[in-house]
């Protein structure tokens, strides 16, 4: 997004949010927690249970890289008791964190990325940290630990309940990681092609190789698409992964040129545990020709 337009949008949001914040809302006894993306909502709700009400700022079908929040959304968020950020430099947080804090200076911000070693990602500014840490069960467990610590410090009277819920959630993650390891058994080292490079942490966890049509924040050119198709053919790629909003005809064209199957998997869906397993199943089926 053009920087000048971004500055204008932020200014408008600040003004409109101030007006929206003047409108009274019905009070709730629930602890209000805001998160950036839907996969965090699943996690935070699992840990907080009925004690918390979770609002995801980037809605379903939108990209964390270019979503512009409405003033009413920022106003709702400004009433939160805590904000759990991804913490990896995703564009939404980079652009709007100051606006959020201006509306609620006392807001407690919990960084869910503490302790996670980020992978490199190539973009137009060179090599940067890959922000998509939530596509890996080991990282999700670390994120859950950070959420537990943050919520327990902020609401110590509920720390015991949070800890019980956290234990159950972490066990769910560990079971899912082991299930996926079984699903992907025998294809370690295999390559798959993605359109947007969202799945590098997933591929790291299971010893796979991710190739990408997009390189960082650059739109692919016709030449670069042909080059990555060639690379994917040589690597024996059988599955090409696209976000669900991607044009179906273009997806099928790229997959056909590679000689693989186009599948649609959403790294920003709320039930990220099920979506990671869906990707593992697609890759396993593609490897044995049953996809």
Protein backbone atom coordinates (compact mmCIF):
# COMPACT_ATOMS: atom_id res chain seq x y z
CA UNK A 1 0.00 0.00 0.00
CA UNK A 2 1.29 3.50 -0.79
CA UNK A 3 2.78 5.06 2.37
CA UNK A 4 0.96 8.37 1.90
CA UNK A 5 -2.40 6.64 1.59
CA UNK A 6 -1.57 4.48 4.61
CA UNK A 7 -0.87 7.60 6.70
CA UNK A 8 -4.18 9.16 5.59
CA UNK A 9 -6.09 5.97 6.40
CA UNK A 10 -4.55 5.75 9.86
CA UNK A 11 -5.46 9.40 10.55
CA UNK A 12 -9.07 8.83 9.45
CA UNK A 13 -9.30 5.71 11.60
CA UNK A 14 -8.06 7.61 14.66
CA UNK A 15 -10.73 10.32 14.19
CA UNK A 16 -13.58 7.94 13.45
CA UNK A 17 -12.58 5.62 16.28
CA UNK A 18 -12.69 8.48 18.76
CA UNK A 19 -16.24 9.20 17.65
CA UNK A 20 -17.22 5.53 17.72
CA UNK A 21 -15.78 5.17 21.20
CA UNK A 22 -18.26 7.73 22.49
CA UNK A 23 -21.15 5.40 21.76
CA UNK A 24 -21.93 3.32 24.84
CA UNK A 25 -21.95 -0.46 24.63
CA UNK A 26 -23.49 -3.06 26.89
CA UNK A 27 -21.03 -4.13 29.58
CA UNK A 28 -19.92 -7.77 29.82
CA UNK A 29 -18.33 -9.66 32.71
CA UNK A 30 -16.04 -11.50 30.31
CA UNK A 31 -12.38 -10.58 30.01
CA UNK A 32 -12.03 -8.96 26.60
CA UNK A 33 -9.03 -10.17 24.61
CA UNK A 34 -8.15 -8.99 21.11
CA UNK A 35 -5.91 -10.94 18.75
CA UNK A 36 -4.63 -10.19 15.28
CA UNK A 37 -5.57 -13.37 13.38
CA UNK A 38 -8.13 -16.16 13.67
CA UNK A 39 -5.65 -18.98 14.51
CA UNK A 40 -4.84 -17.00 17.66
CA UNK A 41 -8.54 -16.87 18.50
CA UNK A 42 -8.71 -20.67 18.61
CA UNK A 43 -5.69 -20.73 20.94
CA UNK A 44 -6.74 -17.94 23.27
CA UNK A 45 -10.30 -19.22 23.55
CA UNK A 46 -8.96 -22.68 24.41
CA UNK A 47 -6.81 -21.24 27.20
CA UNK A 48 -9.27 -18.64 28.48
CA UNK A 49 -12.38 -20.77 28.15
CA UNK A 50 -15.63 -19.13 29.22
CA UNK A 51 -13.74 -16.48 31.15
CA UNK A 52 -12.71 -14.55 28.05
CA UNK A 53 -14.27 -13.07 24.95
CA UNK A 54 -11.89 -13.06 21.97
CA UNK A 55 -12.05 -10.68 19.01
CA UNK A 56 -9.87 -11.33 15.95
CA UNK A 57 -9.06 -8.08 14.15
CA UNK A 58 -8.32 -9.60 10.72
CA UNK A 59 -11.53 -11.39 9.66
CA UNK A 60 -11.94 -14.55 7.62
CA UNK A 61 -11.05 -14.16 3.95
CA UNK A 62 -8.77 -11.17 4.54
CA UNK A 63 -4.98 -11.01 4.42
CA UNK A 64 -2.93 -10.03 7.46
CA UNK A 65 -0.59 -8.30 5.00
CA UNK A 66 -3.01 -5.70 3.61
CA UNK A 67 -6.22 -5.64 5.69
CA UNK A 68 -7.45 -2.17 6.70
CA UNK A 69 -9.58 -2.19 9.88
CA UNK A 70 -12.78 -0.18 10.14
CA UNK A 71 -13.07 2.53 12.81
CA UNK A 72 -15.74 0.45 14.58
CA UNK A 73 -13.37 -2.52 14.76
CA UNK A 74 -10.60 -0.39 16.24
CA UNK A 75 -13.14 1.11 18.67
CA UNK A 76 -14.21 -2.36 19.80
CA UNK A 77 -10.59 -3.40 20.12
CA UNK A 78 -9.78 -0.29 22.18
CA UNK A 79 -12.13 -1.59 24.87
CA UNK A 80 -10.11 -4.79 25.28
CA UNK A 81 -8.36 -5.76 28.49
CA UNK A 82 -5.46 -7.36 26.60
CA UNK A 83 -4.15 -7.58 23.07
CA UNK A 84 -2.24 -10.71 22.06
CA UNK A 85 -0.11 -9.82 19.08
CA UNK A 86 1.59 -12.30 16.78
CA UNK A 87 4.75 -10.27 17.33
CA UNK A 88 6.61 -11.21 14.16
CA UNK A 89 6.25 -7.98 12.23
CA UNK A 90 3.06 -8.82 10.35
CA UNK A 91 1.96 -5.72 8.47
CA UNK A 92 -1.31 -5.23 10.33
CA UNK A 93 0.49 -4.90 13.65
CA UNK A 94 3.26 -2.74 12.21
CA UNK A 95 0.78 -0.30 10.68
CA UNK A 96 -1.88 -0.09 13.38
CA UNK A 97 -0.25 -0.85 16.76
CA UNK A 98 0.31 2.85 17.53
CA UNK A 99 -3.30 3.67 16.63
CA UNK A 100 -4.52 0.87 18.89
CA UNK A 101 -2.40 2.07 21.82
CA UNK A 102 -3.48 5.68 21.31
CA UNK A 103 -7.09 4.57 21.77
CA UNK A 104 -6.24 2.52 24.87
CA UNK A 105 -2.93 3.66 26.42
CA UNK A 106 -3.33 1.25 29.35
CA UNK A 107 -3.81 -1.79 27.13
CA UNK A 108 -1.67 -4.80 28.07
CA UNK A 109 0.06 -6.22 24.99
CA UNK A 110 1.14 -9.86 25.09
CA UNK A 111 3.78 -10.88 22.55
CA UNK A 112 3.10 -14.46 21.50
CA UNK A 113 6.36 -14.80 19.53
CA UNK A 114 8.78 -14.64 22.48
CA UNK A 115 11.16 -17.62 22.37
CA UNK A 116 10.46 -18.58 18.76
CA UNK A 117 13.36 -18.68 16.31
CA UNK A 118 12.10 -17.20 13.09
CA UNK A 119 13.04 -18.45 9.65
CA UNK A 120 14.39 -16.17 6.91
CA UNK A 121 12.15 -14.91 4.10
CA UNK A 122 13.31 -13.11 0.98
CA UNK A 123 11.53 -9.86 0.08
CA UNK A 124 12.28 -6.62 -1.76
CA UNK A 125 14.31 -5.33 1.19
CA UNK A 126 16.48 -8.44 1.29
CA UNK A 127 16.12 -11.20 3.86
CA UNK A 128 13.56 -10.62 6.63
CA UNK A 129 11.96 -12.79 9.29
CA UNK A 130 9.12 -15.01 8.08
CA UNK A 131 6.10 -13.90 10.16
CA UNK A 132 3.95 -17.05 9.69
CA UNK A 133 4.99 -18.78 12.93
CA UNK A 134 1.54 -20.23 13.65
CA UNK A 135 1.77 -22.94 10.93
CA UNK A 136 3.92 -25.17 13.14
CA UNK A 137 2.69 -27.08 16.22
CA UNK A 138 5.93 -26.57 18.14
CA UNK A 139 5.57 -22.81 17.64
CA UNK A 140 1.90 -22.90 18.59
CA UNK A 141 2.91 -24.50 21.87
CA UNK A 142 5.41 -21.70 22.56
CA UNK A 143 2.76 -19.13 21.64
CA UNK A 144 0.32 -20.81 24.04
CA UNK A 145 2.92 -20.62 26.83
CA UNK A 146 3.26 -16.87 26.22
CA UNK A 147 -0.51 -16.41 26.26
CA UNK A 148 -0.80 -18.36 29.51
CA UNK A 149 1.95 -16.30 31.15
CA UNK A 150 0.44 -13.00 29.98
CA UNK A 151 -3.15 -13.75 30.97
CA UNK A 152 -2.12 -15.24 34.32
CA UNK A 153 -0.07 -12.15 35.19
CA UNK A 154 -2.90 -9.84 34.20
CA UNK A 155 -5.67 -11.88 35.87
CA UNK A 156 -4.00 -13.89 38.66
CA UNK A 157 -7.36 -14.82 40.15
CA UNK A 158 -7.97 -17.00 37.06
CA UNK A 159 -4.43 -18.37 36.70
CA UNK A 160 -5.36 -21.86 37.87
CA UNK A 161 -8.22 -22.18 35.38
CA UNK A 162 -6.00 -20.87 32.58
CA UNK A 163 -3.31 -23.42 33.49
CA UNK A 164 -5.76 -26.33 33.35
CA UNK A 165 -7.08 -25.22 29.97
CA UNK A 166 -3.54 -24.64 28.68
CA UNK A 167 -2.54 -28.20 29.59
CA UNK A 168 -5.48 -29.59 27.61
CA UNK A 169 -4.72 -27.35 24.61
CA UNK A 170 -1.02 -28.25 24.56
CA UNK A 171 -1.89 -31.94 24.68
CA UNK A 172 -4.16 -31.37 21.66
CA UNK A 173 -1.24 -29.77 19.82
CA UNK A 174 1.12 -32.62 20.69
CA UNK A 175 -1.41 -35.23 19.59
CA UNK A 176 -1.96 -33.35 16.31
CA UNK A 177 1.78 -33.06 15.69
CA UNK A 178 2.19 -36.83 16.17
CA UNK A 179 -0.81 -37.57 13.93
CA UNK A 180 0.68 -35.46 11.16
CA UNK A 181 4.06 -37.12 11.60
CA UNK A 182 2.33 -40.44 10.94
CA UNK A 183 0.48 -39.03 7.93
CA UNK A 184 3.72 -37.68 6.42
CA UNK A 185 5.85 -40.67 7.30
CA UNK A 186 8.00 -41.76 4.35
CA UNK A 187 7.92 -38.49 2.42
CA UNK A 188 10.49 -36.56 4.46
CA UNK A 189 12.56 -34.42 2.10
CA UNK A 190 9.79 -34.18 -0.51
CA UNK A 191 9.06 -30.77 -2.02
CA UNK A 192 5.74 -28.99 -2.45
CA UNK A 193 4.94 -25.71 -4.17
CA UNK A 194 2.97 -22.86 -2.58
CA UNK A 195 1.77 -19.64 -4.13
CA UNK A 196 2.35 -17.49 -1.03
CA UNK A 197 5.21 -18.54 1.31
CA UNK A 198 3.06 -19.20 4.39
CA UNK A 199 4.09 -22.75 5.18
CA UNK A 200 7.85 -22.73 5.82
CA UNK A 201 7.45 -23.49 9.54
CA UNK A 202 5.19 -26.42 8.69
CA UNK A 203 7.77 -27.75 6.24
CA UNK A 204 10.51 -27.30 8.84
CA UNK A 205 8.60 -29.33 11.41
CA UNK A 206 8.22 -32.32 9.10
CA UNK A 207 11.45 -32.18 7.10
CA UNK A 208 9.83 -31.06 3.85
CA UNK A 209 10.96 -28.53 1.23
CA UNK A 210 8.71 -25.58 0.40
CA UNK A 211 9.06 -23.84 -2.97
CA UNK A 212 7.15 -20.60 -3.55
CA UNK A 213 5.73 -18.77 -6.56
CA UNK A 214 5.76 -15.47 -4.68
CA UNK A 215 9.12 -14.29 -3.41
CA UNK A 216 8.53 -12.27 -0.27
CA UNK A 217 6.37 -9.22 -0.96
CA UNK A 218 6.85 -9.23 -4.74
CA UNK A 219 4.12 -10.08 -7.20
CA UNK A 220 5.41 -12.84 -9.47
CA UNK A 221 6.12 -12.05 -13.12
CA UNK A 222 5.35 -14.38 -16.03
CA UNK A 223 9.05 -15.21 -16.26
CA UNK A 224 9.41 -15.93 -12.53
CA UNK A 225 6.33 -18.19 -12.62
CA UNK A 226 7.84 -20.20 -15.48
CA UNK A 227 11.11 -20.45 -13.57
CA UNK A 228 9.48 -21.77 -10.41
CA UNK A 229 7.35 -24.21 -12.47
CA UNK A 230 10.59 -25.57 -13.91
CA UNK A 231 12.09 -25.79 -10.43
CA UNK A 232 9.00 -27.60 -9.12
CA UNK A 233 9.04 -30.11 -11.98
CA UNK A 234 12.69 -30.89 -11.32
CA UNK A 235 11.96 -31.34 -7.61
CA UNK A 236 9.15 -33.83 -8.35
CA UNK A 237 6.40 -31.66 -6.89
CA UNK A 238 2.96 -33.33 -6.90
CA UNK A 239 0.99 -30.80 -4.84
CA UNK A 240 0.62 -27.03 -5.38
CA UNK A 241 -0.91 -25.12 -2.45
CA UNK A 242 -3.02 -21.98 -2.87
CA UNK A 243 -5.02 -19.82 -0.45
CA UNK A 244 -8.78 -20.38 -0.85
CA UNK A 245 -9.33 -16.86 -2.24
CA UNK A 246 -6.98 -17.51 -5.17
CA UNK A 247 -8.36 -17.65 -8.72
CA UNK A 248 -9.20 -21.29 -9.49
CA UNK A 249 -8.35 -21.16 -13.21
CA UNK A 250 -4.88 -19.72 -12.59
CA UNK A 251 -4.31 -22.27 -9.83
CA UNK A 252 -5.24 -25.15 -12.11
CA UNK A 253 -2.99 -23.78 -14.87
CA UNK A 254 0.06 -23.60 -12.59
CA UNK A 255 -0.65 -27.05 -11.12
CA UNK A 256 -1.12 -28.57 -14.59
CA UNK A 257 2.16 -27.06 -15.81
CA UNK A 258 3.94 -28.51 -12.79
CA UNK A 259 2.24 -31.86 -13.27
CA UNK A 260 0.64 -31.78 -9.84
CA UNK A 261 -2.67 -31.20 -8.08
CA UNK A 262 -3.95 -27.79 -6.95
CA UNK A 263 -5.15 -27.78 -3.33
CA UNK A 264 -6.59 -24.88 -1.35
CA UNK A 265 -5.49 -24.47 2.26
CA UNK A 266 -5.98 -21.42 4.47
CA UNK A 267 -3.20 -20.46 6.94
CA UNK A 268 -5.50 -17.82 8.44
CA UNK A 269 -8.47 -20.05 9.27
CA UNK A 270 -9.60 -20.24 12.90
CA UNK A 271 -9.23 -24.02 13.17
CA UNK A 272 -5.55 -24.01 12.23
CA UNK A 273 -5.04 -27.44 13.84
CA UNK A 274 -7.44 -29.08 11.39
CA UNK A 275 -6.07 -27.05 8.46
CA UNK A 276 -2.49 -28.17 9.11
CA UNK A 277 -3.68 -31.77 9.15
CA UNK A 278 -5.57 -31.16 5.89
CA UNK A 279 -2.34 -29.95 4.27
CA UNK A 280 -0.45 -32.98 5.58
CA UNK A 281 -3.13 -35.27 4.12
CA UNK A 282 -2.99 -33.53 0.71
CA UNK A 283 0.79 -33.93 0.60
CA UNK A 284 0.65 -37.57 1.63
CA UNK A 285 -2.03 -38.38 -0.95
CA UNK A 286 -0.12 -36.47 -3.62
CA UNK A 287 3.04 -38.45 -2.86
CA UNK A 288 1.31 -41.81 -3.28
CA UNK A 289 -0.79 -40.71 -6.26
CA UNK A 290 -4.13 -40.95 -4.47
CA UNK A 291 -4.79 -37.17 -4.38
